[in-house]
Protein backbone atom coordinates (compact mmCIF):
# COMPACT_ATOMS: atom_id res chain seq x y z
CA MET A 1 -23.07 -15.62 305.20
CA ALA A 2 -21.83 -11.90 304.31
CA ALA A 3 -21.66 -11.32 300.52
CA ALA A 4 -17.79 -11.99 298.52
CA GLU A 5 -16.32 -8.39 297.96
CA GLU A 6 -15.90 -6.94 294.75
CA PRO A 7 -12.64 -7.04 293.23
CA ALA A 8 -11.25 -3.75 292.71
CA LYS A 9 -11.37 -2.46 289.34
CA ARG A 10 -7.91 -1.80 286.87
CA ARG A 11 -7.28 1.41 285.07
CA THR A 12 -6.28 0.07 281.84
CA GLY A 13 -5.62 3.31 279.94
CA SER A 14 -4.74 6.43 281.36
CA SER A 15 -5.41 9.72 280.08
CA ARG A 16 -2.39 11.67 280.71
CA PRO A 17 -0.67 11.83 277.27
CA THR A 18 2.58 9.53 276.49
CA GLY A 19 5.20 11.96 274.89
CA ARG A 20 4.85 10.45 271.79
CA ARG A 21 3.83 11.51 268.68
CA PRO A 22 1.91 10.30 265.92
CA ALA A 23 4.41 9.41 262.68
CA GLY A 24 4.46 12.68 260.63
CA GLU A 25 2.74 14.91 263.17
CA PRO A 26 5.35 18.00 264.15
CA ARG A 27 6.68 18.57 267.26
CA HIS A 28 4.39 20.13 269.77
CA ARG A 29 6.33 23.19 271.31
CA PRO A 30 4.58 23.86 274.67
CA SER A 31 6.71 26.33 275.93
CA LYS A 32 10.40 27.32 275.01
CA GLY A 33 11.85 27.99 278.08
CA PRO A 34 14.96 26.46 279.86
CA ALA A 35 13.23 22.83 279.96
CA TRP A 36 12.37 23.37 277.07
CA ALA A 37 15.47 23.76 275.58
CA MET A 38 16.77 20.97 277.30
CA ARG A 39 14.52 17.87 276.08
CA THR A 40 14.87 19.58 272.30
CA ALA A 41 18.08 19.44 272.18
CA ALA A 42 18.87 16.13 273.83
CA GLU A 43 16.25 14.61 271.33
CA GLN A 44 17.32 15.79 268.20
CA LEU A 45 20.79 14.84 269.26
CA THR A 46 19.41 11.82 269.75
CA GLU A 47 18.33 11.39 266.84
CA LEU A 48 21.37 12.18 265.15
CA LEU A 49 23.57 9.57 267.00
CA GLY A 50 21.58 7.44 267.96
CA ARG A 51 22.50 6.95 271.57
CA ALA A 52 20.29 8.39 274.47
CA PRO A 53 22.09 12.03 276.31
CA ASP A 54 23.11 11.60 279.76
CA SER A 55 22.83 14.65 280.53
CA VAL A 56 22.77 18.25 279.90
CA SER A 57 25.32 19.40 281.61
CA ALA A 58 24.59 23.78 280.52
CA LEU A 59 22.41 25.64 278.68
CA LYS A 60 22.71 29.37 277.42
CA PRO A 61 20.37 31.32 275.50
CA THR A 62 22.18 32.96 272.87
CA LYS A 63 20.53 35.77 270.24
CA ASP A 64 19.22 33.41 268.08
CA GLY A 65 18.23 30.26 270.27
CA TRP A 66 20.01 28.31 272.92
CA GLU A 67 23.45 26.66 272.85
CA ALA A 68 23.63 22.99 275.53
CA ASP A 69 26.10 20.85 276.78
CA VAL A 70 24.40 17.46 276.12
CA GLU A 71 26.82 14.64 277.96
CA VAL A 72 26.84 11.25 275.82
CA LEU A 73 28.06 7.13 277.15
CA GLU A 74 29.41 6.72 273.99
CA LEU A 75 31.83 3.53 275.14
CA GLU A 76 30.14 1.68 277.58
CA ARG A 77 32.57 -0.20 279.60
CA VAL A 78 32.98 -2.52 282.92
CA PRO A 79 34.24 -0.97 285.65
CA ASP A 80 31.02 1.87 284.84
CA THR A 81 33.44 4.38 285.90
CA THR A 82 35.51 3.13 282.71
CA SER A 83 33.23 4.27 280.10
CA VAL A 84 33.41 6.47 277.31
CA MET A 85 32.18 9.78 277.46
CA ALA A 86 31.43 13.14 275.10
CA THR A 87 30.15 16.08 275.95
CA TYR A 88 28.52 18.02 272.28
CA ARG A 89 27.66 21.23 272.14
CA VAL A 90 24.14 21.62 270.52
CA SER A 91 22.82 24.90 268.77
CA LEU A 92 19.29 25.35 268.69
CA ASP A 93 16.66 28.46 266.56
CA LYS A 94 14.11 29.97 268.64
CA GLU A 95 12.71 27.67 266.71
CA GLY A 96 13.88 24.92 268.73
CA ASP A 97 15.35 23.20 265.36
CA LEU A 98 18.85 21.58 265.72
CA VAL A 99 21.47 24.12 263.31
CA ALA A 100 25.14 22.93 264.71
CA TYR A 101 26.39 20.40 266.94
CA GLU A 102 30.25 19.54 267.60
CA ARG A 103 31.93 17.09 269.98
CA THR A 104 34.05 19.22 272.52
CA ARG A 105 35.63 16.46 274.73
CA ARG A 106 35.23 12.59 275.40
CA TYR A 107 36.46 12.00 278.62
CA THR A 108 36.11 8.48 280.90
CA ARG A 109 32.82 8.95 283.47
CA GLY A 110 35.07 8.32 285.75
CA GLN A 111 37.38 11.74 285.57
CA ILE A 112 37.03 14.64 287.48
CA ASP A 113 37.84 18.58 286.30
CA ARG A 114 41.17 19.88 287.57
CA LEU A 115 41.08 23.41 288.25
CA GLY A 116 44.36 24.81 287.22
């Protein structure tokens, strides 16, 4: 009779970082390029509004840091195309700290921009 095969071992942990930081520990800023600025703008706006961003629709460097337009779901409706969205303009300094934000537009998710 053949020996029974050992069951495959399961990996219980991961060596990859989770992206979470312990409370009170400063935010790690590995690179200050466009991807970093997008993540930082979305992360800080989430803290202020209590809502996760849907997307970052624009990003540009400024002399003082970065400026991003962040799309946020403000009111969820059924069907999804009638949900209310908002665009927030977020300004970050060179260190990635949010220095200003404002809502610049409110619209339904199914709405398209018309060039006129």
